[in-house]
Amino acid sequence: MVAAQSVGDIAAQGPPANLADASARSRLTPAAITGIVRLAEIWRLTSAETCTLIGDVSERTWFRMKKGAWEGTLSQDTLTRISALIGIFKGLRLLFSEQLADEWVRLPNKGPLYGGRRPLDAMLEGGIPKLLQVRQHIDALRGGL
C-alpha cells in the first residue's frame, strides 16, 4: 500500500499534472510503476491482465518494469489508466476491510455496471472508459459524487 500511496500523494500535491508534457510524464513514471507493480501483487493480477489494464505495455516490458530494469517513460494513456486503477484501489480500501477491498475486483457483481461479471473482467474488456466508470462507481459509493 505504501507504493500506491506515493502515487496518490503526487496527485494530491496540486492541480492534475499535464500528462501531455513529456517532463511531467517522466517525473510521474517511477511512482506510477511502483504503484502498479504493488497493485498487481495485491490484486493477484496475471502479467496478461496487468498489460491489458495498463494499455500499450508488452509482457516483456512489464517484466522489466517489475524488475526495475525499464528506464522508459509511460505514455499519457498508460498514466491515465494507472491513475484510475490506483484511485479504485484507494477508494476500495476506504470503503471496505482490507481483505474485501483487495478481493472486490475478482468477485461477481450484480450492479448494472458489471451485469454479474467481475469488475476486473469489465475493466479488462472496457479500457479507459470502463476504468473511469468503475472509479466513479467507487467514488459514488464513498459519497464523493
N, C-alpha and C. Protein backbone atom coordinates (compact mmCIF):
# COMPACT_ATOMS: atom_id res chain seq x y z
N MET A 1 0.82 -1.19 0.00
CA MET A 1 0.00 0.00 0.00
C MET A 1 0.87 1.25 0.00
N VAL A 2 2.05 1.18 0.50
CA VAL A 2 2.92 2.35 0.55
C VAL A 2 3.19 2.88 -0.85
N ALA A 3 3.45 1.98 -1.80
CA ALA A 3 3.71 2.43 -3.16
C ALA A 3 2.51 3.13 -3.75
N ALA A 4 1.33 2.57 -3.53
CA ALA A 4 0.12 3.20 -4.05
C ALA A 4 -0.09 4.57 -3.42
N GLN A 5 0.25 4.70 -2.16
CA GLN A 5 0.10 5.99 -1.51
C GLN A 5 1.02 7.02 -2.15
N SER A 6 2.20 6.62 -2.58
CA SER A 6 3.12 7.60 -3.16
C SER A 6 2.55 8.17 -4.46
N VAL A 7 1.85 7.36 -5.24
CA VAL A 7 1.21 7.86 -6.45
C VAL A 7 0.09 8.81 -6.06
N GLY A 8 -0.70 8.44 -5.06
CA GLY A 8 -1.78 9.31 -4.59
C GLY A 8 -1.26 10.60 -4.02
N ASP A 9 -0.13 10.52 -3.32
CA ASP A 9 0.46 11.73 -2.75
C ASP A 9 0.87 12.70 -3.86
N ILE A 10 1.41 12.17 -4.94
CA ILE A 10 1.79 13.02 -6.06
C ILE A 10 0.55 13.72 -6.61
N ALA A 11 -0.54 12.96 -6.74
CA ALA A 11 -1.77 13.52 -7.29
C ALA A 11 -2.36 14.57 -6.37
N ALA A 12 -2.12 14.44 -5.07
CA ALA A 12 -2.72 15.36 -4.10
C ALA A 12 -1.92 16.65 -3.93
N GLN A 13 -0.83 16.80 -4.64
CA GLN A 13 0.05 17.95 -4.44
C GLN A 13 -0.44 19.21 -5.13
N GLY A 14 -1.51 19.15 -5.84
CA GLY A 14 -2.00 20.35 -6.51
C GLY A 14 -2.82 19.98 -7.71
N PRO A 15 -2.90 20.89 -8.69
CA PRO A 15 -3.69 20.60 -9.88
C PRO A 15 -3.13 19.38 -10.60
N PRO A 16 -3.99 18.69 -11.34
CA PRO A 16 -3.52 17.50 -12.06
C PRO A 16 -2.34 17.83 -12.97
N ALA A 17 -1.44 16.88 -13.07
CA ALA A 17 -0.29 17.06 -13.95
C ALA A 17 -0.75 17.08 -15.40
N ASN A 18 -0.03 17.81 -16.21
CA ASN A 18 -0.28 17.85 -17.65
C ASN A 18 0.40 16.63 -18.26
N LEU A 19 -0.36 15.57 -18.48
CA LEU A 19 0.23 14.33 -18.98
C LEU A 19 0.63 14.41 -20.45
N ALA A 20 0.28 15.49 -21.12
CA ALA A 20 0.75 15.70 -22.48
C ALA A 20 2.20 16.19 -22.47
N ASP A 21 2.66 16.67 -21.32
CA ASP A 21 4.02 17.19 -21.17
C ASP A 21 4.98 16.04 -20.86
N ALA A 22 5.98 15.87 -21.71
CA ALA A 22 6.93 14.76 -21.55
C ALA A 22 7.68 14.82 -20.22
N SER A 23 8.02 16.01 -19.75
CA SER A 23 8.75 16.10 -18.48
C SER A 23 7.85 15.69 -17.31
N ALA A 24 6.57 15.99 -17.36
CA ALA A 24 5.64 15.57 -16.31
C ALA A 24 5.50 14.05 -16.32
N ARG A 25 5.37 13.47 -17.50
CA ARG A 25 5.28 12.01 -17.61
C ARG A 25 6.55 11.35 -17.09
N SER A 26 7.68 11.92 -17.41
CA SER A 26 8.96 11.37 -16.94
C SER A 26 9.04 11.42 -15.42
N ARG A 27 8.59 12.51 -14.83
CA ARG A 27 8.61 12.68 -13.38
C ARG A 27 7.66 11.71 -12.69
N LEU A 28 6.50 11.46 -13.28
CA LEU A 28 5.48 10.61 -12.66
C LEU A 28 5.70 9.12 -12.90
N THR A 29 6.45 8.77 -13.92
CA THR A 29 6.62 7.37 -14.31
C THR A 29 7.14 6.48 -13.18
N PRO A 30 8.21 6.85 -12.47
CA PRO A 30 8.71 5.92 -11.43
C PRO A 30 7.66 5.60 -10.35
N ALA A 31 6.94 6.60 -9.87
CA ALA A 31 5.91 6.35 -8.85
C ALA A 31 4.76 5.53 -9.42
N ALA A 32 4.40 5.79 -10.66
CA ALA A 32 3.32 5.04 -11.29
C ALA A 32 3.70 3.56 -11.44
N ILE A 33 4.92 3.31 -11.85
CA ILE A 33 5.38 1.91 -11.99
C ILE A 33 5.40 1.23 -10.63
N THR A 34 5.93 1.90 -9.63
CA THR A 34 5.96 1.33 -8.28
C THR A 34 4.54 1.01 -7.82
N GLY A 35 3.64 1.93 -8.04
CA GLY A 35 2.25 1.74 -7.63
C GLY A 35 1.57 0.59 -8.35
N ILE A 36 1.75 0.48 -9.66
CA ILE A 36 1.05 -0.57 -10.40
C ILE A 36 1.67 -1.93 -10.13
N VAL A 37 2.97 -1.98 -9.88
CA VAL A 37 3.60 -3.25 -9.53
C VAL A 37 3.00 -3.76 -8.21
N ARG A 38 2.89 -2.87 -7.25
CA ARG A 38 2.33 -3.26 -5.95
C ARG A 38 0.85 -3.62 -6.08
N LEU A 39 0.10 -2.85 -6.85
CA LEU A 39 -1.31 -3.14 -7.06
C LEU A 39 -1.50 -4.50 -7.73
N ALA A 40 -0.69 -4.81 -8.72
CA ALA A 40 -0.78 -6.11 -9.40
C ALA A 40 -0.53 -7.26 -8.42
N GLU A 41 0.38 -7.05 -7.49
CA GLU A 41 0.64 -8.08 -6.46
C GLU A 41 -0.57 -8.23 -5.55
N ILE A 42 -1.09 -7.12 -5.07
CA ILE A 42 -2.22 -7.15 -4.12
C ILE A 42 -3.46 -7.76 -4.77
N TRP A 43 -3.75 -7.39 -6.00
CA TRP A 43 -4.93 -7.91 -6.69
C TRP A 43 -4.65 -9.26 -7.36
N ARG A 44 -3.42 -9.76 -7.26
CA ARG A 44 -3.02 -11.04 -7.84
C ARG A 44 -3.32 -11.08 -9.35
N LEU A 45 -2.94 -10.01 -10.03
CA LEU A 45 -3.15 -9.93 -11.47
C LEU A 45 -2.08 -10.74 -12.20
N THR A 46 -2.50 -11.40 -13.26
CA THR A 46 -1.52 -12.06 -14.12
C THR A 46 -0.80 -10.98 -14.93
N SER A 47 0.30 -11.35 -15.54
CA SER A 47 1.01 -10.40 -16.39
C SER A 47 0.12 -9.95 -17.55
N ALA A 48 -0.62 -10.88 -18.13
CA ALA A 48 -1.51 -10.53 -19.25
C ALA A 48 -2.60 -9.56 -18.79
N GLU A 49 -3.18 -9.79 -17.62
CA GLU A 49 -4.21 -8.88 -17.10
C GLU A 49 -3.62 -7.50 -16.85
N THR A 50 -2.45 -7.45 -16.24
CA THR A 50 -1.83 -6.16 -15.97
C THR A 50 -1.55 -5.41 -17.26
N CYS A 51 -0.98 -6.09 -18.24
CA CYS A 51 -0.66 -5.43 -19.51
C CYS A 51 -1.91 -4.92 -20.20
N THR A 52 -2.99 -5.66 -20.12
CA THR A 52 -4.25 -5.21 -20.72
C THR A 52 -4.78 -3.99 -19.97
N LEU A 53 -4.74 -4.04 -18.65
CA LEU A 53 -5.27 -2.92 -17.87
C LEU A 53 -4.48 -1.63 -18.09
N ILE A 54 -3.15 -1.75 -18.21
CA ILE A 54 -2.37 -0.51 -18.34
C ILE A 54 -2.12 -0.11 -19.78
N GLY A 55 -2.61 -0.91 -20.72
CA GLY A 55 -2.60 -0.46 -22.11
C GLY A 55 -1.42 -0.91 -22.93
N ASP A 56 -0.71 0.03 -23.48
CA ASP A 56 0.29 -0.26 -24.51
C ASP A 56 1.63 -0.78 -23.97
N VAL A 57 1.60 -1.71 -23.04
CA VAL A 57 2.81 -2.27 -22.46
C VAL A 57 2.84 -3.77 -22.76
N SER A 58 3.92 -4.22 -23.37
CA SER A 58 4.07 -5.64 -23.66
C SER A 58 4.44 -6.40 -22.39
N GLU A 59 4.24 -7.72 -22.41
CA GLU A 59 4.61 -8.51 -21.24
C GLU A 59 6.11 -8.44 -20.99
N ARG A 60 6.89 -8.38 -22.02
CA ARG A 60 8.35 -8.27 -21.85
C ARG A 60 8.70 -6.97 -21.13
N THR A 61 8.08 -5.88 -21.56
CA THR A 61 8.32 -4.59 -20.90
C THR A 61 7.82 -4.64 -19.46
N TRP A 62 6.66 -5.27 -19.23
CA TRP A 62 6.11 -5.39 -17.89
C TRP A 62 7.10 -6.13 -16.96
N PHE A 63 7.68 -7.21 -17.45
CA PHE A 63 8.65 -7.95 -16.63
C PHE A 63 9.85 -7.08 -16.29
N ARG A 64 10.30 -6.28 -17.26
CA ARG A 64 11.41 -5.37 -16.99
C ARG A 64 11.01 -4.30 -15.98
N MET A 65 9.79 -3.79 -16.08
CA MET A 65 9.30 -2.80 -15.11
C MET A 65 9.31 -3.40 -13.70
N LYS A 66 8.80 -4.62 -13.57
CA LYS A 66 8.73 -5.26 -12.26
C LYS A 66 10.12 -5.45 -11.66
N LYS A 67 11.11 -5.70 -12.49
CA LYS A 67 12.48 -5.89 -12.00
C LYS A 67 13.22 -4.58 -11.78
N GLY A 68 12.60 -3.46 -12.18
CA GLY A 68 13.26 -2.17 -12.05
C GLY A 68 14.31 -1.95 -13.13
N ALA A 69 14.18 -2.70 -14.22
CA ALA A 69 15.17 -2.64 -15.30
C ALA A 69 14.65 -1.89 -16.53
N TRP A 70 13.55 -1.18 -16.40
CA TRP A 70 12.99 -0.42 -17.53
C TRP A 70 13.18 1.05 -17.24
N GLU A 71 13.73 1.76 -18.19
CA GLU A 71 14.04 3.18 -17.98
C GLU A 71 13.27 4.12 -18.88
N GLY A 72 12.17 3.64 -19.42
CA GLY A 72 11.38 4.47 -20.32
C GLY A 72 10.46 5.43 -19.58
N THR A 73 9.63 6.09 -20.36
CA THR A 73 8.61 6.99 -19.82
C THR A 73 7.26 6.48 -20.27
N LEU A 74 6.33 6.39 -19.33
CA LEU A 74 5.00 5.91 -19.66
C LEU A 74 4.24 6.94 -20.50
N SER A 75 3.37 6.43 -21.33
CA SER A 75 2.55 7.30 -22.18
C SER A 75 1.43 7.94 -21.36
N GLN A 76 0.83 8.96 -21.94
CA GLN A 76 -0.31 9.63 -21.32
C GLN A 76 -1.42 8.62 -21.06
N ASP A 77 -1.69 7.76 -22.02
CA ASP A 77 -2.72 6.74 -21.89
C ASP A 77 -2.43 5.81 -20.70
N THR A 78 -1.21 5.33 -20.61
CA THR A 78 -0.85 4.39 -19.54
C THR A 78 -0.91 5.06 -18.18
N LEU A 79 -0.43 6.29 -18.08
CA LEU A 79 -0.51 7.01 -16.81
C LEU A 79 -1.96 7.26 -16.40
N THR A 80 -2.82 7.53 -17.35
CA THR A 80 -4.24 7.73 -17.05
C THR A 80 -4.85 6.44 -16.52
N ARG A 81 -4.52 5.32 -17.16
CA ARG A 81 -5.02 4.02 -16.72
C ARG A 81 -4.53 3.71 -15.30
N ILE A 82 -3.25 3.92 -15.06
CA ILE A 82 -2.69 3.63 -13.73
C ILE A 82 -3.32 4.53 -12.69
N SER A 83 -3.53 5.78 -13.01
CA SER A 83 -4.17 6.70 -12.09
C SER A 83 -5.57 6.21 -11.71
N ALA A 84 -6.33 5.76 -12.71
CA ALA A 84 -7.68 5.25 -12.45
C ALA A 84 -7.61 4.01 -11.56
N LEU A 85 -6.69 3.11 -11.85
CA LEU A 85 -6.55 1.88 -11.06
C LEU A 85 -6.17 2.17 -9.62
N ILE A 86 -5.22 3.09 -9.43
CA ILE A 86 -4.81 3.46 -8.07
C ILE A 86 -5.98 4.13 -7.34
N GLY A 87 -6.75 4.94 -8.05
CA GLY A 87 -7.92 5.56 -7.44
C GLY A 87 -8.95 4.53 -7.01
N ILE A 88 -9.15 3.51 -7.84
CA ILE A 88 -10.07 2.42 -7.49
C ILE A 88 -9.55 1.70 -6.25
N PHE A 89 -8.28 1.38 -6.25
CA PHE A 89 -7.65 0.71 -5.11
C PHE A 89 -7.84 1.51 -3.82
N LYS A 90 -7.52 2.79 -3.87
CA LYS A 90 -7.63 3.62 -2.67
C LYS A 90 -9.08 3.74 -2.20
N GLY A 91 -10.00 3.91 -3.15
CA GLY A 91 -11.41 4.01 -2.80
C GLY A 91 -11.92 2.73 -2.15
N LEU A 92 -11.52 1.59 -2.69
CA LEU A 92 -11.94 0.32 -2.11
C LEU A 92 -11.39 0.15 -0.70
N ARG A 93 -10.15 0.57 -0.49
CA ARG A 93 -9.54 0.47 0.84
C ARG A 93 -10.25 1.37 1.85
N LEU A 94 -10.81 2.48 1.37
CA LEU A 94 -11.56 3.37 2.27
C LEU A 94 -12.96 2.82 2.58
N LEU A 95 -13.52 2.08 1.63
CA LEU A 95 -14.87 1.55 1.78
C LEU A 95 -14.96 0.26 2.59
N PHE A 96 -14.03 -0.62 2.35
CA PHE A 96 -14.16 -1.99 2.85
C PHE A 96 -12.96 -2.38 3.71
N SER A 97 -13.10 -3.53 4.37
CA SER A 97 -11.95 -4.10 5.07
C SER A 97 -10.87 -4.38 4.03
N GLU A 98 -9.64 -4.47 4.47
CA GLU A 98 -8.53 -4.70 3.54
C GLU A 98 -8.76 -5.97 2.72
N GLN A 99 -9.19 -7.04 3.36
CA GLN A 99 -9.40 -8.30 2.65
C GLN A 99 -10.47 -8.16 1.57
N LEU A 100 -11.61 -7.59 1.91
CA LEU A 100 -12.68 -7.42 0.92
C LEU A 100 -12.25 -6.44 -0.17
N ALA A 101 -11.60 -5.36 0.21
CA ALA A 101 -11.15 -4.37 -0.77
C ALA A 101 -10.22 -5.01 -1.80
N ASP A 102 -9.34 -5.88 -1.32
CA ASP A 102 -8.37 -6.49 -2.22
C ASP A 102 -8.96 -7.60 -3.08
N GLU A 103 -10.10 -8.17 -2.66
CA GLU A 103 -10.76 -9.23 -3.43
C GLU A 103 -11.87 -8.69 -4.33
N TRP A 104 -12.34 -7.47 -4.06
CA TRP A 104 -13.52 -6.92 -4.71
C TRP A 104 -13.48 -7.03 -6.23
N VAL A 105 -12.34 -6.75 -6.83
CA VAL A 105 -12.27 -6.77 -8.30
C VAL A 105 -12.48 -8.17 -8.87
N ARG A 106 -12.32 -9.21 -8.05
CA ARG A 106 -12.45 -10.60 -8.50
C ARG A 106 -13.80 -11.22 -8.16
N LEU A 107 -14.65 -10.48 -7.48
CA LEU A 107 -15.94 -11.02 -7.06
C LEU A 107 -17.04 -10.63 -8.05
N PRO A 108 -17.91 -11.58 -8.40
CA PRO A 108 -19.03 -11.24 -9.29
C PRO A 108 -19.85 -10.11 -8.67
N ASN A 109 -20.30 -9.20 -9.52
CA ASN A 109 -21.01 -8.02 -9.03
C ASN A 109 -22.31 -7.89 -9.85
N LYS A 110 -23.42 -7.83 -9.15
CA LYS A 110 -24.73 -7.76 -9.83
C LYS A 110 -25.13 -6.34 -10.21
N GLY A 111 -24.31 -5.36 -9.88
CA GLY A 111 -24.61 -3.98 -10.24
C GLY A 111 -24.72 -3.80 -11.74
N PRO A 112 -25.46 -2.78 -12.18
CA PRO A 112 -25.68 -2.57 -13.62
C PRO A 112 -24.40 -2.33 -14.42
N LEU A 113 -23.39 -1.84 -13.77
CA LEU A 113 -22.11 -1.59 -14.46
C LEU A 113 -21.40 -2.90 -14.80
N TYR A 114 -21.71 -3.96 -14.08
CA TYR A 114 -20.97 -5.21 -14.22
C TYR A 114 -21.81 -6.37 -14.74
N GLY A 115 -23.12 -6.33 -14.55
CA GLY A 115 -24.00 -7.37 -15.09
C GLY A 115 -23.68 -8.77 -14.62
N GLY A 116 -23.30 -8.92 -13.37
CA GLY A 116 -22.99 -10.24 -12.83
C GLY A 116 -21.55 -10.67 -13.04
N ARG A 117 -20.80 -9.89 -13.78
CA ARG A 117 -19.39 -10.22 -14.02
C ARG A 117 -18.51 -9.64 -12.94
N ARG A 118 -17.28 -10.05 -12.94
CA ARG A 118 -16.30 -9.47 -12.02
C ARG A 118 -15.91 -8.08 -12.54
N PRO A 119 -15.74 -7.11 -11.65
CA PRO A 119 -15.27 -5.80 -12.09
C PRO A 119 -13.97 -5.88 -12.90
N LEU A 120 -13.10 -6.81 -12.52
CA LEU A 120 -11.85 -6.98 -13.26
C LEU A 120 -12.12 -7.30 -14.72
N ASP A 121 -13.06 -8.21 -14.99
CA ASP A 121 -13.38 -8.56 -16.38
C ASP A 121 -13.95 -7.37 -17.14
N ALA A 122 -14.80 -6.61 -16.47
CA ALA A 122 -15.37 -5.42 -17.12
C ALA A 122 -14.26 -4.43 -17.47
N MET A 123 -13.31 -4.24 -16.57
CA MET A 123 -12.21 -3.30 -16.83
C MET A 123 -11.28 -3.82 -17.92
N LEU A 124 -11.03 -5.11 -17.93
CA LEU A 124 -10.17 -5.69 -18.97
C LEU A 124 -10.78 -5.50 -20.35
N GLU A 125 -12.08 -5.63 -20.45
CA GLU A 125 -12.78 -5.53 -21.73
C GLU A 125 -13.09 -4.10 -22.13
N GLY A 126 -13.25 -3.21 -21.15
CA GLY A 126 -13.77 -1.88 -21.45
C GLY A 126 -12.76 -0.76 -21.60
N GLY A 127 -11.47 -1.03 -21.32
CA GLY A 127 -10.46 0.01 -21.48
C GLY A 127 -10.66 1.21 -20.57
N ILE A 128 -10.11 2.34 -21.00
CA ILE A 128 -10.16 3.56 -20.19
C ILE A 128 -11.59 3.96 -19.82
N PRO A 129 -12.55 3.92 -20.75
CA PRO A 129 -13.90 4.32 -20.34
C PRO A 129 -14.43 3.49 -19.16
N LYS A 130 -14.22 2.18 -19.18
CA LYS A 130 -14.72 1.34 -18.10
C LYS A 130 -13.91 1.56 -16.82
N LEU A 131 -12.60 1.76 -16.93
CA LEU A 131 -11.79 2.07 -15.75
C LEU A 131 -12.33 3.32 -15.06
N LEU A 132 -12.64 4.33 -15.85
CA LEU A 132 -13.15 5.57 -15.28
C LEU A 132 -14.55 5.40 -14.70
N GLN A 133 -15.38 4.55 -15.34
CA GLN A 133 -16.71 4.28 -14.79
C GLN A 133 -16.61 3.55 -13.45
N VAL A 134 -15.71 2.58 -13.36
CA VAL A 134 -15.53 1.86 -12.10
C VAL A 134 -15.02 2.82 -11.03
N ARG A 135 -14.10 3.68 -11.41
CA ARG A 135 -13.59 4.66 -10.45
C ARG A 135 -14.73 5.56 -9.96
N GLN A 136 -15.57 6.04 -10.88
CA GLN A 136 -16.72 6.87 -10.49
C GLN A 136 -17.68 6.10 -9.59
N HIS A 137 -17.88 4.83 -9.89
CA HIS A 137 -18.76 4.00 -9.08
C HIS A 137 -18.23 3.90 -7.65
N ILE A 138 -16.96 3.64 -7.49
CA ILE A 138 -16.36 3.54 -6.17
C ILE A 138 -16.43 4.89 -5.45
N ASP A 139 -16.14 5.96 -6.17
CA ASP A 139 -16.23 7.31 -5.57
C ASP A 139 -17.66 7.61 -5.12
N ALA A 140 -18.65 7.19 -5.93
CA ALA A 140 -20.04 7.43 -5.58
C ALA A 140 -20.43 6.62 -4.34
N LEU A 141 -19.94 5.40 -4.23
CA LEU A 141 -20.21 4.60 -3.04
C LEU A 141 -19.66 5.27 -1.79
N ARG A 142 -18.55 5.95 -1.96
CA ARG A 142 -17.94 6.67 -0.83
C ARG A 142 -18.64 7.98 -0.54
N GLY A 143 -19.60 8.36 -1.41
CA GLY A 143 -20.31 9.62 -1.21
C GLY A 143 -19.62 10.79 -1.87
N GLY A 144 -18.70 10.49 -2.81
CA GLY A 144 -17.92 11.54 -3.44
C GLY A 144 -18.56 12.17 -4.66
N LEU A 145 -19.73 11.70 -5.08
CA LEU A 145 -20.37 12.28 -6.25
C LEU A 145 -21.74 12.83 -5.91
